[in-house]
Every structure is written in structure tokens, then in C-alpha cells.
Amino acid sequence: MTGKTAIIGDGDSITVFKAAGVDAFPADNEKQAREILRKIAREYQVIFLTEELAQPLADFLKRFDESAYPVVLAVPSKNGSTGYGAETLKQASERALGVNIL
């Protein structure tokens, strides 16, 4: 692994990331997102996932908490933030550091 970054989400939401050089994988639903994530998890160190796809996959995403890579982060989509990404980041920092730094 050489520090590769990817994003999984709806076409409009991933366009900005793609323009910034991030490998983009379009997914219209959580089933597609899960399959893409399974395929790319060993190749990428950081994988962004839009909140609309990450939230229904919360239980599936827990498997990535046990290893250093990939780091899977939920980000807002073109529709704005639902607060899910910020909440999961807060929980992860509390678990890792024992305190809420956010």
C-alpha cells in the first residue's frame, strides 16, 4: 500500500474528489457500495464513503475498526451533512484517546 485514497458515493458527490486526484467509485446504493468496498479495501489506505451509503453499512464498516488500514471515513454528499460522519469520528476519537477532542 502506498497511501492511495478513494471515495465511494453517488456520481455528483464524488466529482469534486475525482477532480482532486482521488480515485472515485460511483455507487447508487449500499449494496453496490459494499461490493466496491470489499474489492478495494486491500488496495487503499483511506476510503471516503458518503454518509447516505455509510449509515446503512454501519455494522459492515465495524470490521475495519480492528485494523490500521483502510481507514473508512463518512463524508457529506451533495445533499449536505446528516451529522453521521462527525458522530462516527467523535466516537472513534473517544475510543482511541479516551476523551472527546472534537
N, C-alpha and C. Protein backbone atom coordinates (compact mmCIF):
# COMPACT_ATOMS: atom_id res chain seq x y z
N MET A 1 0.83 -1.18 0.00
CA MET A 1 0.00 0.00 0.00
C MET A 1 0.88 1.25 0.00
N THR A 2 0.53 2.18 -0.84
CA THR A 2 1.35 3.37 -0.96
C THR A 2 0.59 4.65 -0.62
N GLY A 3 -0.41 4.58 0.20
CA GLY A 3 -1.14 5.77 0.61
C GLY A 3 -2.21 6.19 -0.36
N LYS A 4 -2.78 5.25 -1.06
CA LYS A 4 -3.82 5.57 -2.03
C LYS A 4 -5.13 5.93 -1.32
N THR A 5 -5.87 6.86 -1.94
CA THR A 5 -7.13 7.34 -1.38
C THR A 5 -8.24 7.14 -2.41
N ALA A 6 -9.42 6.76 -1.91
CA ALA A 6 -10.58 6.54 -2.78
C ALA A 6 -11.82 7.12 -2.15
N ILE A 7 -12.85 7.30 -2.97
CA ILE A 7 -14.16 7.69 -2.48
C ILE A 7 -15.21 6.85 -3.17
N ILE A 8 -16.23 6.49 -2.39
CA ILE A 8 -17.38 5.75 -2.91
C ILE A 8 -18.62 6.59 -2.63
N GLY A 9 -19.41 6.84 -3.65
CA GLY A 9 -20.62 7.63 -3.46
C GLY A 9 -21.35 7.86 -4.77
N ASP A 10 -22.41 8.65 -4.69
CA ASP A 10 -23.16 8.95 -5.90
C ASP A 10 -22.31 9.82 -6.82
N GLY A 11 -22.61 9.76 -8.10
CA GLY A 11 -21.80 10.42 -9.12
C GLY A 11 -21.54 11.89 -8.88
N ASP A 12 -22.55 12.65 -8.49
CA ASP A 12 -22.37 14.08 -8.27
C ASP A 12 -21.49 14.37 -7.06
N SER A 13 -21.62 13.58 -6.03
CA SER A 13 -20.87 13.82 -4.80
C SER A 13 -19.39 13.49 -4.94
N ILE A 14 -19.03 12.58 -5.80
CA ILE A 14 -17.64 12.16 -5.91
C ILE A 14 -16.85 12.96 -6.94
N THR A 15 -17.55 13.79 -7.71
CA THR A 15 -16.90 14.55 -8.78
C THR A 15 -15.78 15.45 -8.27
N VAL A 16 -16.01 16.15 -7.17
CA VAL A 16 -15.00 17.05 -6.62
C VAL A 16 -13.77 16.27 -6.18
N PHE A 17 -13.98 15.13 -5.55
CA PHE A 17 -12.85 14.30 -5.13
C PHE A 17 -12.06 13.81 -6.34
N LYS A 18 -12.77 13.41 -7.38
CA LYS A 18 -12.13 12.93 -8.59
C LYS A 18 -11.28 14.02 -9.21
N ALA A 19 -11.78 15.25 -9.21
CA ALA A 19 -11.03 16.38 -9.74
C ALA A 19 -9.76 16.64 -8.94
N ALA A 20 -9.78 16.26 -7.66
CA ALA A 20 -8.61 16.45 -6.79
C ALA A 20 -7.63 15.28 -6.86
N GLY A 21 -7.90 14.31 -7.72
CA GLY A 21 -6.98 13.19 -7.90
C GLY A 21 -7.28 11.97 -7.06
N VAL A 22 -8.42 11.96 -6.39
CA VAL A 22 -8.82 10.80 -5.58
C VAL A 22 -9.51 9.80 -6.51
N ASP A 23 -9.20 8.53 -6.38
CA ASP A 23 -9.86 7.50 -7.17
C ASP A 23 -11.33 7.43 -6.76
N ALA A 24 -12.23 7.58 -7.70
CA ALA A 24 -13.66 7.66 -7.41
C ALA A 24 -14.40 6.44 -7.94
N PHE A 25 -15.29 5.91 -7.10
CA PHE A 25 -16.09 4.74 -7.45
C PHE A 25 -17.56 5.07 -7.22
N PRO A 26 -18.32 5.20 -8.30
CA PRO A 26 -19.74 5.53 -8.15
C PRO A 26 -20.55 4.34 -7.64
N ALA A 27 -21.46 4.62 -6.72
CA ALA A 27 -22.37 3.61 -6.18
C ALA A 27 -23.71 4.27 -5.92
N ASP A 28 -24.78 3.64 -6.39
CA ASP A 28 -26.12 4.19 -6.24
C ASP A 28 -26.84 3.71 -4.99
N ASN A 29 -26.33 2.64 -4.37
CA ASN A 29 -27.00 2.10 -3.18
C ASN A 29 -25.97 1.40 -2.30
N GLU A 30 -26.41 1.02 -1.10
CA GLU A 30 -25.47 0.41 -0.15
C GLU A 30 -24.96 -0.95 -0.61
N LYS A 31 -25.74 -1.69 -1.38
CA LYS A 31 -25.28 -2.98 -1.89
C LYS A 31 -24.08 -2.80 -2.82
N GLN A 32 -24.18 -1.84 -3.73
CA GLN A 32 -23.06 -1.55 -4.62
C GLN A 32 -21.86 -1.04 -3.84
N ALA A 33 -22.11 -0.18 -2.86
CA ALA A 33 -21.02 0.37 -2.05
C ALA A 33 -20.29 -0.74 -1.29
N ARG A 34 -21.04 -1.68 -0.74
CA ARG A 34 -20.43 -2.80 0.00
C ARG A 34 -19.53 -3.63 -0.92
N GLU A 35 -20.00 -3.92 -2.12
CA GLU A 35 -19.21 -4.72 -3.06
C GLU A 35 -17.94 -3.99 -3.48
N ILE A 36 -18.06 -2.70 -3.76
CA ILE A 36 -16.88 -1.91 -4.13
C ILE A 36 -15.89 -1.88 -2.98
N LEU A 37 -16.39 -1.65 -1.79
CA LEU A 37 -15.54 -1.59 -0.61
C LEU A 37 -14.79 -2.90 -0.40
N ARG A 38 -15.47 -4.00 -0.57
CA ARG A 38 -14.81 -5.31 -0.44
C ARG A 38 -13.67 -5.46 -1.45
N LYS A 39 -13.90 -4.97 -2.67
CA LYS A 39 -12.91 -5.12 -3.74
C LYS A 39 -11.70 -4.22 -3.54
N ILE A 40 -11.89 -3.03 -3.00
CA ILE A 40 -10.79 -2.06 -2.94
C ILE A 40 -10.12 -1.94 -1.57
N ALA A 41 -10.65 -2.60 -0.57
CA ALA A 41 -10.18 -2.41 0.81
C ALA A 41 -8.69 -2.72 0.99
N ARG A 42 -8.16 -3.67 0.26
CA ARG A 42 -6.75 -4.03 0.43
C ARG A 42 -5.80 -3.12 -0.35
N GLU A 43 -6.37 -2.36 -1.27
CA GLU A 43 -5.54 -1.53 -2.15
C GLU A 43 -5.40 -0.08 -1.67
N TYR A 44 -6.34 0.38 -0.86
CA TYR A 44 -6.37 1.79 -0.44
C TYR A 44 -6.18 1.93 1.06
N GLN A 45 -5.52 3.01 1.46
CA GLN A 45 -5.33 3.26 2.88
C GLN A 45 -6.44 4.11 3.46
N VAL A 46 -6.97 5.04 2.68
CA VAL A 46 -8.07 5.90 3.12
C VAL A 46 -9.19 5.78 2.10
N ILE A 47 -10.39 5.47 2.61
CA ILE A 47 -11.56 5.36 1.75
C ILE A 47 -12.66 6.24 2.34
N PHE A 48 -13.07 7.22 1.56
CA PHE A 48 -14.20 8.07 1.95
C PHE A 48 -15.47 7.42 1.41
N LEU A 49 -16.53 7.54 2.18
CA LEU A 49 -17.82 6.96 1.82
C LEU A 49 -18.87 7.99 2.16
N THR A 50 -19.75 8.32 1.22
CA THR A 50 -20.75 9.33 1.52
C THR A 50 -21.66 8.84 2.65
N GLU A 51 -22.13 9.79 3.45
CA GLU A 51 -22.92 9.46 4.63
C GLU A 51 -24.16 8.63 4.31
N GLU A 52 -24.81 8.93 3.19
CA GLU A 52 -26.01 8.17 2.83
C GLU A 52 -25.72 6.69 2.61
N LEU A 53 -24.51 6.37 2.17
CA LEU A 53 -24.12 4.97 1.98
C LEU A 53 -23.51 4.38 3.25
N ALA A 54 -22.79 5.19 4.00
CA ALA A 54 -22.11 4.70 5.20
C ALA A 54 -23.08 4.33 6.31
N GLN A 55 -24.11 5.12 6.49
CA GLN A 55 -25.02 4.88 7.60
C GLN A 55 -25.68 3.50 7.54
N PRO A 56 -26.25 3.08 6.41
CA PRO A 56 -26.84 1.74 6.38
C PRO A 56 -25.81 0.61 6.45
N LEU A 57 -24.54 0.95 6.20
CA LEU A 57 -23.47 -0.06 6.26
C LEU A 57 -22.70 -0.03 7.58
N ALA A 58 -23.24 0.62 8.59
CA ALA A 58 -22.53 0.81 9.86
C ALA A 58 -22.00 -0.50 10.44
N ASP A 59 -22.81 -1.54 10.47
CA ASP A 59 -22.36 -2.82 11.02
C ASP A 59 -21.24 -3.43 10.18
N PHE A 60 -21.36 -3.34 8.87
CA PHE A 60 -20.33 -3.85 7.97
C PHE A 60 -19.03 -3.08 8.15
N LEU A 61 -19.10 -1.78 8.34
CA LEU A 61 -17.91 -0.94 8.46
C LEU A 61 -17.14 -1.19 9.76
N LYS A 62 -17.79 -1.77 10.76
CA LYS A 62 -17.12 -2.04 12.03
C LYS A 62 -15.93 -2.99 11.87
N ARG A 63 -15.97 -3.84 10.86
CA ARG A 63 -14.85 -4.76 10.64
C ARG A 63 -13.54 -4.03 10.34
N PHE A 64 -13.64 -2.82 9.83
CA PHE A 64 -12.44 -2.05 9.50
C PHE A 64 -11.85 -1.36 10.73
N ASP A 65 -12.59 -1.32 11.83
CA ASP A 65 -12.10 -0.70 13.06
C ASP A 65 -10.96 -1.50 13.69
N GLU A 66 -10.87 -2.77 13.38
CA GLU A 66 -9.89 -3.66 14.01
C GLU A 66 -8.51 -3.59 13.38
N SER A 67 -8.40 -3.01 12.19
CA SER A 67 -7.10 -2.95 11.53
C SER A 67 -6.72 -1.49 11.25
N ALA A 68 -5.44 -1.29 11.06
CA ALA A 68 -4.95 0.07 10.82
C ALA A 68 -5.44 0.62 9.48
N TYR A 69 -5.48 -0.23 8.48
CA TYR A 69 -5.89 0.20 7.15
C TYR A 69 -6.87 -0.78 6.55
N PRO A 70 -7.78 -0.31 5.78
CA PRO A 70 -8.02 1.07 5.40
C PRO A 70 -8.79 1.82 6.47
N VAL A 71 -8.60 3.12 6.47
CA VAL A 71 -9.40 4.00 7.32
C VAL A 71 -10.60 4.39 6.46
N VAL A 72 -11.79 4.08 6.95
CA VAL A 72 -13.02 4.40 6.21
C VAL A 72 -13.72 5.55 6.92
N LEU A 73 -13.88 6.65 6.21
CA LEU A 73 -14.47 7.86 6.79
C LEU A 73 -15.73 8.26 6.03
N ALA A 74 -16.77 8.57 6.77
CA ALA A 74 -18.02 9.04 6.17
C ALA A 74 -17.91 10.54 5.95
N VAL A 75 -18.29 10.98 4.74
CA VAL A 75 -18.26 12.40 4.40
C VAL A 75 -19.62 12.82 3.86
N PRO A 76 -19.95 14.10 3.98
CA PRO A 76 -21.23 14.57 3.44
C PRO A 76 -21.29 14.40 1.93
N SER A 77 -22.48 14.25 1.43
CA SER A 77 -22.67 14.15 -0.02
C SER A 77 -23.12 15.50 -0.55
N LYS A 78 -23.51 15.52 -1.79
CA LYS A 78 -24.01 16.76 -2.41
C LYS A 78 -25.25 17.29 -1.68
N ASN A 79 -25.93 16.42 -0.93
CA ASN A 79 -27.14 16.81 -0.22
C ASN A 79 -26.85 17.46 1.13
N GLY A 80 -25.59 17.53 1.51
CA GLY A 80 -25.22 18.12 2.80
C GLY A 80 -24.99 17.05 3.85
N SER A 81 -24.64 17.48 5.03
CA SER A 81 -24.31 16.57 6.11
C SER A 81 -25.54 16.13 6.89
N THR A 82 -25.54 14.86 7.27
CA THR A 82 -26.58 14.34 8.15
C THR A 82 -26.07 14.32 9.60
N GLY A 83 -24.78 14.59 9.78
CA GLY A 83 -24.17 14.54 11.10
C GLY A 83 -23.58 13.18 11.42
N TYR A 84 -23.84 12.19 10.57
CA TYR A 84 -23.37 10.83 10.82
C TYR A 84 -21.84 10.75 10.81
N GLY A 85 -21.21 11.37 9.83
CA GLY A 85 -19.75 11.32 9.73
C GLY A 85 -19.07 11.95 10.93
N ALA A 86 -19.56 13.09 11.36
CA ALA A 86 -18.99 13.76 12.54
C ALA A 86 -19.17 12.92 13.79
N GLU A 87 -20.32 12.30 13.92
CA GLU A 87 -20.59 11.47 15.10
C GLU A 87 -19.67 10.24 15.14
N THR A 88 -19.46 9.59 14.00
CA THR A 88 -18.59 8.40 13.99
C THR A 88 -17.14 8.79 14.25
N LEU A 89 -16.72 9.96 13.75
CA LEU A 89 -15.37 10.43 14.02
C LEU A 89 -15.20 10.74 15.50
N LYS A 90 -16.20 11.34 16.10
CA LYS A 90 -16.18 11.64 17.54
C LYS A 90 -16.06 10.34 18.35
N GLN A 91 -16.86 9.34 18.00
CA GLN A 91 -16.82 8.06 18.72
C GLN A 91 -15.46 7.39 18.57
N ALA A 92 -14.89 7.45 17.36
CA ALA A 92 -13.58 6.82 17.13
C ALA A 92 -12.49 7.52 17.93
N SER A 93 -12.54 8.84 18.00
CA SER A 93 -11.51 9.56 18.75
C SER A 93 -11.66 9.29 20.25
N GLU A 94 -12.89 9.18 20.73
CA GLU A 94 -13.10 8.85 22.14
C GLU A 94 -12.58 7.45 22.45
N ARG A 95 -12.82 6.52 21.54
CA ARG A 95 -12.37 5.15 21.74
C ARG A 95 -10.85 5.07 21.73
N ALA A 96 -10.21 5.82 20.83
CA ALA A 96 -8.76 5.77 20.69
C ALA A 96 -8.04 6.54 21.79
N LEU A 97 -8.59 7.70 22.16
CA LEU A 97 -7.89 8.58 23.10
C LEU A 97 -8.47 8.60 24.49
N GLY A 98 -9.71 8.10 24.61
CA GLY A 98 -10.36 8.11 25.90
C GLY A 98 -11.00 9.43 26.26
N VAL A 99 -11.00 10.36 25.32
CA VAL A 99 -11.57 11.68 25.57
C VAL A 99 -12.10 12.26 24.26
N ASN A 100 -13.13 13.09 24.37
CA ASN A 100 -13.69 13.73 23.18
C ASN A 100 -12.87 14.97 22.85
N ILE A 101 -12.11 14.93 21.76
CA ILE A 101 -11.31 16.09 21.37
C ILE A 101 -12.04 16.98 20.38
N LEU A 102 -13.20 16.51 19.92
CA LEU A 102 -13.95 17.31 18.95
C LEU A 102 -14.99 18.12 19.67
